[in-house]
Amino acid sequence: MTAEFNWWLLIVGLVIGAGLVWFVVMDGRRRDVDVDETERPREAAWLSAILADEGWDVPADAADRMLVLHRDYLAAPPPDDDAAWPTPDPEARASAVSGDDRIGRDA
């Protein structure tokens, strides 16, 4: 009976080990803390190029500043009151501020 129990323990251990390995591997996405200071300008240039392809004119310097602000926002404690934050207007368009039609894109 001891031999059967040892096989059972081996199988259970392998299943649990495989589950732990799967959990660690499946959570392999990069996070903001994984992007260092030397990589951030490349990310900003990439964002600028992607947004330019979509019709938005965002300079790489502005994208870099937004990435810095985003990292600072994530490092800050969560707000106490959600009502203190402005609610974005779904009808508002970026082109309403700039005066152009953003090459005919809808909001």
C-alpha atoms as a PDB file:
ATOM      1  CA  MET A   1       0.000   0.000   0.000  1.00  0.00           C
ATOM      2  CA  THR A   2       2.925   2.371   0.544  1.00  0.00           C
ATOM      3  CA  ALA A   3       4.005   2.071  -3.100  1.00  0.00           C
ATOM      4  CA  GLU A   4       0.539   3.115  -4.338  1.00  0.00           C
ATOM      5  CA  PHE A   5       0.541   6.085  -1.986  1.00  0.00           C
ATOM      6  CA  ASN A   6       3.974   7.160  -3.228  1.00  0.00           C
ATOM      7  CA  TRP A   7       2.768   7.046  -6.841  1.00  0.00           C
ATOM      8  CA  TRP A   8      -0.285   9.052  -5.866  1.00  0.00           C
ATOM      9  CA  LEU A   9       1.923  11.670  -4.176  1.00  0.00           C
ATOM     10  CA  LEU A  10       4.179  11.817  -7.232  1.00  0.00           C
ATOM     11  CA  ILE A  11       1.239  12.387  -9.581  1.00  0.00           C
ATOM     12  CA  VAL A  12      -0.312  15.028  -7.338  1.00  0.00           C
ATOM     13  CA  GLY A  13       3.069  16.767  -7.004  1.00  0.00           C
ATOM     14  CA  LEU A  14       3.553  16.808 -10.770  1.00  0.00           C
ATOM     15  CA  VAL A  15       0.082  18.245 -11.327  1.00  0.00           C
ATOM     16  CA  ILE A  16       0.592  20.964  -8.719  1.00  0.00           C
ATOM     17  CA  GLY A  17       4.063  21.746 -10.082  1.00  0.00           C
ATOM     18  CA  ALA A  18       2.726  21.987 -13.640  1.00  0.00           C
ATOM     19  CA  GLY A  19      -0.036  24.294 -12.410  1.00  0.00           C
ATOM     20  CA  LEU A  20       2.445  26.593 -10.695  1.00  0.00           C
ATOM     21  CA  VAL A  21       4.686  26.704 -13.754  1.00  0.00           C
ATOM     22  CA  TRP A  22       1.673  27.479 -15.951  1.00  0.00           C
ATOM     23  CA  PHE A  23       0.597  30.291 -13.602  1.00  0.00           C
ATOM     24  CA  VAL A  24       4.046  31.894 -13.632  1.00  0.00           C
ATOM     25  CA  VAL A  25       4.448  31.593 -17.392  1.00  0.00           C
ATOM     26  CA  MET A  26       0.949  32.850 -18.188  1.00  0.00           C
ATOM     27  CA  ASP A  27       1.565  36.067 -16.228  1.00  0.00           C
ATOM     28  CA  GLY A  28       4.562  37.049 -18.307  1.00  0.00           C
ATOM     29  CA  ARG A  29       3.236  40.363 -19.630  1.00  0.00           C
ATOM     30  CA  ARG A  30       5.401  43.423 -19.295  1.00  0.00           C
ATOM     31  CA  ARG A  31       4.314  46.154 -16.934  1.00  0.00           C
ATOM     32  CA  ASP A  32       5.178  49.829 -16.634  1.00  0.00           C
ATOM     33  CA  VAL A  33       7.868  49.072 -14.073  1.00  0.00           C
ATOM     34  CA  ASP A  34       9.533  46.734 -16.598  1.00  0.00           C
ATOM     35  CA  VAL A  35      10.172  49.599 -19.038  1.00  0.00           C
ATOM     36  CA  ASP A  36      13.368  51.407 -18.021  1.00  0.00           C
ATOM     37  CA  GLU A  37      14.439  54.972 -18.792  1.00  0.00           C
ATOM     38  CA  THR A  38      16.427  53.974 -21.882  1.00  0.00           C
ATOM     39  CA  GLU A  39      13.476  52.152 -23.457  1.00  0.00           C
ATOM     40  CA  ARG A  40      10.828  54.807 -22.752  1.00  0.00           C
ATOM     41  CA  PRO A  41      11.854  57.141 -25.654  1.00  0.00           C
ATOM     42  CA  ARG A  42      11.553  54.192 -28.059  1.00  0.00           C
ATOM     43  CA  GLU A  43       8.101  53.456 -26.670  1.00  0.00           C
ATOM     44  CA  ALA A  44       7.165  57.131 -27.093  1.00  0.00           C
ATOM     45  CA  ALA A  45       8.357  57.093 -30.714  1.00  0.00           C
ATOM     46  CA  TRP A  46       6.384  53.900 -31.325  1.00  0.00           C
ATOM     47  CA  LEU A  47       3.242  55.451 -29.821  1.00  0.00           C
ATOM     48  CA  SER A  48       3.721  58.575 -31.911  1.00  0.00           C
ATOM     49  CA  ALA A  49       4.069  56.516 -35.107  1.00  0.00           C
ATOM     50  CA  ILE A  50       1.020  54.370 -34.343  1.00  0.00           C
ATOM     51  CA  LEU A  51      -1.095  57.422 -33.541  1.00  0.00           C
ATOM     52  CA  ALA A  52       0.148  59.138 -36.714  1.00  0.00           C
ATOM     53  CA  ASP A  53      -1.018  56.118 -38.728  1.00  0.00           C
ATOM     54  CA  GLU A  54      -4.436  56.545 -37.102  1.00  0.00           C
ATOM     55  CA  GLY A  55      -4.586  60.254 -37.956  1.00  0.00           C
ATOM     56  CA  TRP A  56      -3.513  61.784 -34.641  1.00  0.00           C
ATOM     57  CA  ASP A  57      -0.589  64.195 -34.562  1.00  0.00           C
ATOM     58  CA  VAL A  58       1.192  63.435 -31.277  1.00  0.00           C
ATOM     59  CA  PRO A  59       4.892  64.328 -31.179  1.00  0.00           C
ATOM     60  CA  ALA A  60       7.239  61.796 -29.605  1.00  0.00           C
ATOM     61  CA  ASP A  61       8.134  64.327 -26.882  1.00  0.00           C
ATOM     62  CA  ALA A  62       4.464  64.642 -25.900  1.00  0.00           C
ATOM     63  CA  ALA A  63       4.064  60.861 -25.867  1.00  0.00           C
ATOM     64  CA  ASP A  64       7.161  60.569 -23.682  1.00  0.00           C
ATOM     65  CA  ARG A  65       5.748  63.113 -21.228  1.00  0.00           C
ATOM     66  CA  MET A  66       2.435  61.219 -21.128  1.00  0.00           C
ATOM     67  CA  LEU A  67       4.286  57.988 -20.358  1.00  0.00           C
ATOM     68  CA  VAL A  68       6.125  59.701 -17.481  1.00  0.00           C
ATOM     69  CA  LEU A  69       2.848  61.111 -16.144  1.00  0.00           C
ATOM     70  CA  HIS A  70       1.176  57.711 -16.489  1.00  0.00           C
ATOM     71  CA  ARG A  71       3.958  56.064 -14.474  1.00  0.00           C
ATOM     72  CA  ASP A  72       3.604  58.773 -11.798  1.00  0.00           C
ATOM     73  CA  TYR A  73      -0.161  58.240 -11.733  1.00  0.00           C
ATOM     74  CA  LEU A  74       0.246  54.505 -11.200  1.00  0.00           C
ATOM     75  CA  ALA A  75       2.785  55.118  -8.419  1.00  0.00           C
ATOM     76  CA  ALA A  76       0.405  57.425  -6.540  1.00  0.00           C
ATOM     77  CA  PRO A  77      -2.123  56.068  -4.039  1.00  0.00           C
ATOM     78  CA  PRO A  78      -5.660  55.581  -5.371  1.00  0.00           C
ATOM     79  CA  PRO A  79      -7.996  58.570  -5.050  1.00  0.00           C
ATOM     80  CA  ASP A  80     -10.279  58.640  -2.046  1.00  0.00           C
ATOM     81  CA  ASP A  81     -13.306  60.029  -3.839  1.00  0.00           C
ATOM     82  CA  ASP A  82     -14.242  59.119  -7.404  1.00  0.00           C
ATOM     83  CA  ALA A  83     -16.621  62.083  -7.568  1.00  0.00           C
ATOM     84  CA  ALA A  84     -13.639  64.470  -7.375  1.00  0.00           C
ATOM     85  CA  TRP A  85     -12.417  63.337 -10.810  1.00  0.00           C
ATOM     86  CA  PRO A  86     -13.990  64.848 -13.917  1.00  0.00           C
ATOM     87  CA  THR A  87     -16.105  62.470 -15.955  1.00  0.00           C
ATOM     88  CA  PRO A  88     -15.116  62.449 -19.640  1.00  0.00           C
ATOM     89  CA  ASP A  89     -17.827  63.594 -22.001  1.00  0.00           C
ATOM     90  CA  PRO A  90     -18.387  60.908 -24.662  1.00  0.00           C
ATOM     91  CA  GLU A  91     -19.661  63.587 -27.066  1.00  0.00           C
ATOM     92  CA  ALA A  92     -16.484  65.666 -26.718  1.00  0.00           C
ATOM     93  CA  ARG A  93     -13.996  65.319 -29.543  1.00  0.00           C
ATOM     94  CA  ALA A  94     -10.349  66.246 -29.676  1.00  0.00           C
ATOM     95  CA  SER A  95     -11.007  68.036 -32.958  1.00  0.00           C
ATOM     96  CA  ALA A  96     -13.470  70.392 -31.257  1.00  0.00           C
ATOM     97  CA  VAL A  97     -10.529  71.974 -29.463  1.00  0.00           C
ATOM     98  CA  SER A  98      -8.218  72.109 -32.457  1.00  0.00           C
ATOM     99  CA  GLY A  99     -10.859  73.278 -34.947  1.00  0.00           C
ATOM    100  CA  ASP A 100     -10.103  70.680 -37.624  1.00  0.00           C
ATOM    101  CA  ASP A 101     -12.102  67.603 -38.448  1.00  0.00           C
ATOM    102  CA  ARG A 102      -9.276  65.118 -37.712  1.00  0.00           C
ATOM    103  CA  ILE A 103      -9.522  63.787 -41.263  1.00  0.00           C
ATOM    104  CA  GLY A 104     -13.181  62.964 -40.822  1.00  0.00           C
ATOM    105  CA  ARG A 105     -12.820  60.609 -37.858  1.00  0.00           C
ATOM    106  CA  ASP A 106     -15.798  60.192 -35.605  1.00  0.00           C
ATOM    107  CA  ALA A 107     -15.412  60.422 -31.845  1.00  0.00           C
END
